N, C-alpha and C. Protein backbone atom coordinates (compact mmCIF):
# COMPACT_ATOMS: atom_id res chain seq x y z
N MET A 1 -1.11 -11.51 23.77
CA MET A 1 -1.00 -12.30 22.57
C MET A 1 -1.98 -11.73 21.53
N ALA A 2 -1.50 -11.67 20.30
CA ALA A 2 -2.33 -11.11 19.23
C ALA A 2 -3.42 -12.10 18.84
N SER A 3 -4.56 -11.55 18.54
CA SER A 3 -5.68 -12.39 18.13
C SER A 3 -5.46 -12.87 16.69
N VAL A 4 -6.25 -13.84 16.30
CA VAL A 4 -6.18 -14.37 14.94
C VAL A 4 -6.48 -13.25 13.95
N GLN A 5 -7.47 -12.42 14.27
CA GLN A 5 -7.82 -11.31 13.39
C GLN A 5 -6.64 -10.37 13.22
N ASP A 6 -5.92 -10.07 14.30
CA ASP A 6 -4.75 -9.18 14.21
C ASP A 6 -3.67 -9.79 13.33
N LYS A 7 -3.47 -11.08 13.45
CA LYS A 7 -2.46 -11.75 12.62
C LYS A 7 -2.86 -11.72 11.15
N LEU A 8 -4.14 -11.97 10.88
CA LEU A 8 -4.62 -11.91 9.50
C LEU A 8 -4.49 -10.51 8.92
N LYS A 9 -4.82 -9.52 9.72
CA LYS A 9 -4.69 -8.13 9.27
C LYS A 9 -3.23 -7.78 8.98
N ALA A 10 -2.33 -8.25 9.82
CA ALA A 10 -0.90 -7.98 9.60
C ALA A 10 -0.44 -8.61 8.28
N GLU A 11 -0.89 -9.83 8.02
CA GLU A 11 -0.55 -10.49 6.76
C GLU A 11 -1.14 -9.75 5.57
N LEU A 12 -2.37 -9.27 5.72
CA LEU A 12 -3.00 -8.49 4.66
C LEU A 12 -2.21 -7.21 4.37
N MET A 13 -1.74 -6.55 5.42
CA MET A 13 -0.98 -5.32 5.23
C MET A 13 0.32 -5.59 4.47
N VAL A 14 0.99 -6.67 4.79
CA VAL A 14 2.22 -7.02 4.07
C VAL A 14 1.90 -7.23 2.59
N GLU A 15 0.83 -7.95 2.32
CA GLU A 15 0.43 -8.21 0.94
C GLU A 15 0.03 -6.93 0.21
N ILE A 16 -0.73 -6.08 0.87
CA ILE A 16 -1.16 -4.82 0.27
C ILE A 16 0.04 -3.94 -0.03
N TYR A 17 0.93 -3.79 0.93
CA TYR A 17 2.11 -2.94 0.72
C TYR A 17 2.98 -3.49 -0.41
N ALA A 18 3.15 -4.80 -0.47
CA ALA A 18 3.95 -5.39 -1.54
C ALA A 18 3.29 -5.14 -2.90
N SER A 19 1.98 -5.22 -2.96
CA SER A 19 1.27 -4.97 -4.21
C SER A 19 1.44 -3.52 -4.66
N ILE A 20 1.35 -2.61 -3.74
CA ILE A 20 1.52 -1.19 -4.08
C ILE A 20 2.96 -0.94 -4.54
N ASP A 21 3.92 -1.58 -3.91
CA ASP A 21 5.31 -1.45 -4.35
C ASP A 21 5.50 -2.00 -5.76
N ARG A 22 4.82 -3.11 -6.08
CA ARG A 22 4.90 -3.66 -7.44
C ARG A 22 4.26 -2.71 -8.46
N ILE A 23 3.19 -2.03 -8.07
CA ILE A 23 2.57 -1.03 -8.95
C ILE A 23 3.59 0.06 -9.27
N TYR A 24 4.25 0.57 -8.24
CA TYR A 24 5.26 1.61 -8.45
C TYR A 24 6.38 1.10 -9.37
N ASP A 25 6.88 -0.09 -9.10
CA ASP A 25 7.96 -0.65 -9.92
C ASP A 25 7.53 -0.78 -11.37
N SER A 26 6.29 -1.22 -11.59
CA SER A 26 5.78 -1.36 -12.95
C SER A 26 5.70 -0.01 -13.65
N ILE A 27 5.23 1.00 -12.95
CA ILE A 27 5.16 2.35 -13.53
C ILE A 27 6.55 2.83 -13.88
N GLU A 28 7.50 2.63 -12.98
CA GLU A 28 8.89 3.06 -13.22
C GLU A 28 9.48 2.36 -14.44
N GLN A 29 9.17 1.09 -14.63
CA GLN A 29 9.72 0.32 -15.74
C GLN A 29 9.12 0.70 -17.08
N HIS A 30 7.85 1.07 -17.08
CA HIS A 30 7.15 1.25 -18.35
C HIS A 30 6.95 2.70 -18.79
N PHE A 31 7.20 3.64 -17.91
CA PHE A 31 6.96 5.04 -18.25
C PHE A 31 8.16 5.89 -17.91
N GLU A 32 8.42 6.87 -18.77
CA GLU A 32 9.47 7.84 -18.49
C GLU A 32 8.82 9.02 -17.77
N LEU A 33 9.05 9.10 -16.48
CA LEU A 33 8.42 10.14 -15.67
C LEU A 33 9.42 11.24 -15.36
N ASP A 34 8.96 12.48 -15.45
CA ASP A 34 9.81 13.56 -14.97
C ASP A 34 9.76 13.55 -13.44
N GLU A 35 10.62 14.30 -12.82
CA GLU A 35 10.73 14.26 -11.35
C GLU A 35 9.43 14.68 -10.66
N THR A 36 8.74 15.66 -11.20
CA THR A 36 7.47 16.11 -10.60
C THR A 36 6.43 14.99 -10.65
N ARG A 37 6.30 14.35 -11.80
CA ARG A 37 5.32 13.28 -11.95
C ARG A 37 5.69 12.10 -11.05
N ARG A 38 6.98 11.76 -10.99
CA ARG A 38 7.44 10.66 -10.13
C ARG A 38 7.08 10.96 -8.67
N SER A 39 7.32 12.19 -8.24
CA SER A 39 6.99 12.59 -6.87
C SER A 39 5.50 12.48 -6.61
N ASN A 40 4.70 12.89 -7.58
CA ASN A 40 3.24 12.80 -7.44
C ASN A 40 2.76 11.36 -7.35
N VAL A 41 3.36 10.49 -8.15
CA VAL A 41 3.01 9.07 -8.10
C VAL A 41 3.35 8.51 -6.72
N ILE A 42 4.56 8.79 -6.25
CA ILE A 42 4.98 8.29 -4.94
C ILE A 42 4.05 8.83 -3.85
N LYS A 43 3.74 10.10 -3.91
CA LYS A 43 2.86 10.71 -2.90
C LYS A 43 1.48 10.04 -2.93
N SER A 44 0.95 9.81 -4.12
CA SER A 44 -0.37 9.19 -4.24
C SER A 44 -0.37 7.75 -3.72
N LEU A 45 0.67 7.01 -4.05
CA LEU A 45 0.74 5.63 -3.56
C LEU A 45 0.92 5.59 -2.05
N ASN A 46 1.67 6.52 -1.50
CA ASN A 46 1.82 6.58 -0.05
C ASN A 46 0.50 6.96 0.62
N THR A 47 -0.26 7.85 0.00
CA THR A 47 -1.58 8.20 0.52
C THR A 47 -2.49 6.97 0.50
N LEU A 48 -2.42 6.21 -0.57
CA LEU A 48 -3.21 4.98 -0.66
C LEU A 48 -2.81 4.01 0.45
N LYS A 49 -1.51 3.84 0.67
CA LYS A 49 -1.05 2.98 1.76
C LYS A 49 -1.61 3.45 3.10
N ASP A 50 -1.55 4.76 3.34
CA ASP A 50 -2.05 5.31 4.60
C ASP A 50 -3.54 5.04 4.77
N GLU A 51 -4.31 5.24 3.72
CA GLU A 51 -5.75 5.02 3.78
C GLU A 51 -6.08 3.55 4.02
N LEU A 52 -5.38 2.68 3.33
CA LEU A 52 -5.62 1.25 3.52
C LEU A 52 -5.19 0.80 4.90
N TYR A 53 -4.11 1.34 5.41
CA TYR A 53 -3.68 1.03 6.77
C TYR A 53 -4.78 1.42 7.76
N PHE A 54 -5.35 2.61 7.58
CA PHE A 54 -6.42 3.07 8.46
C PHE A 54 -7.62 2.12 8.40
N VAL A 55 -8.00 1.72 7.18
CA VAL A 55 -9.14 0.82 7.03
C VAL A 55 -8.87 -0.51 7.73
N VAL A 56 -7.69 -1.06 7.51
CA VAL A 56 -7.36 -2.35 8.11
C VAL A 56 -7.34 -2.25 9.64
N GLN A 57 -6.82 -1.16 10.17
CA GLN A 57 -6.72 -1.01 11.62
C GLN A 57 -8.05 -0.73 12.30
N THR A 58 -8.97 -0.13 11.59
CA THR A 58 -10.22 0.31 12.23
C THR A 58 -11.45 -0.48 11.85
N THR A 59 -11.31 -1.45 10.96
CA THR A 59 -12.46 -2.19 10.47
C THR A 59 -12.29 -3.68 10.75
N PRO A 60 -13.32 -4.32 11.29
CA PRO A 60 -13.22 -5.76 11.53
C PRO A 60 -13.24 -6.53 10.20
N LEU A 61 -12.64 -7.69 10.22
CA LEU A 61 -12.69 -8.56 9.03
C LEU A 61 -14.09 -9.12 8.87
N SER A 62 -14.43 -9.40 7.63
CA SER A 62 -15.75 -9.98 7.37
C SER A 62 -15.72 -11.48 7.45
């Protein structure tokens, strides 16, 4: 059975990922990006997701 901390972390990850997706959607709506820039934005946001996932998985909640 998952601990309370694991459940909280899972909820945090859902919220973090949704926020990052909203950032991307906002950028797409407000800026005309060429394909290279769009790819760079997506790559950067995915890197951010990966880093935050690592932090959430390896760090205890305060």
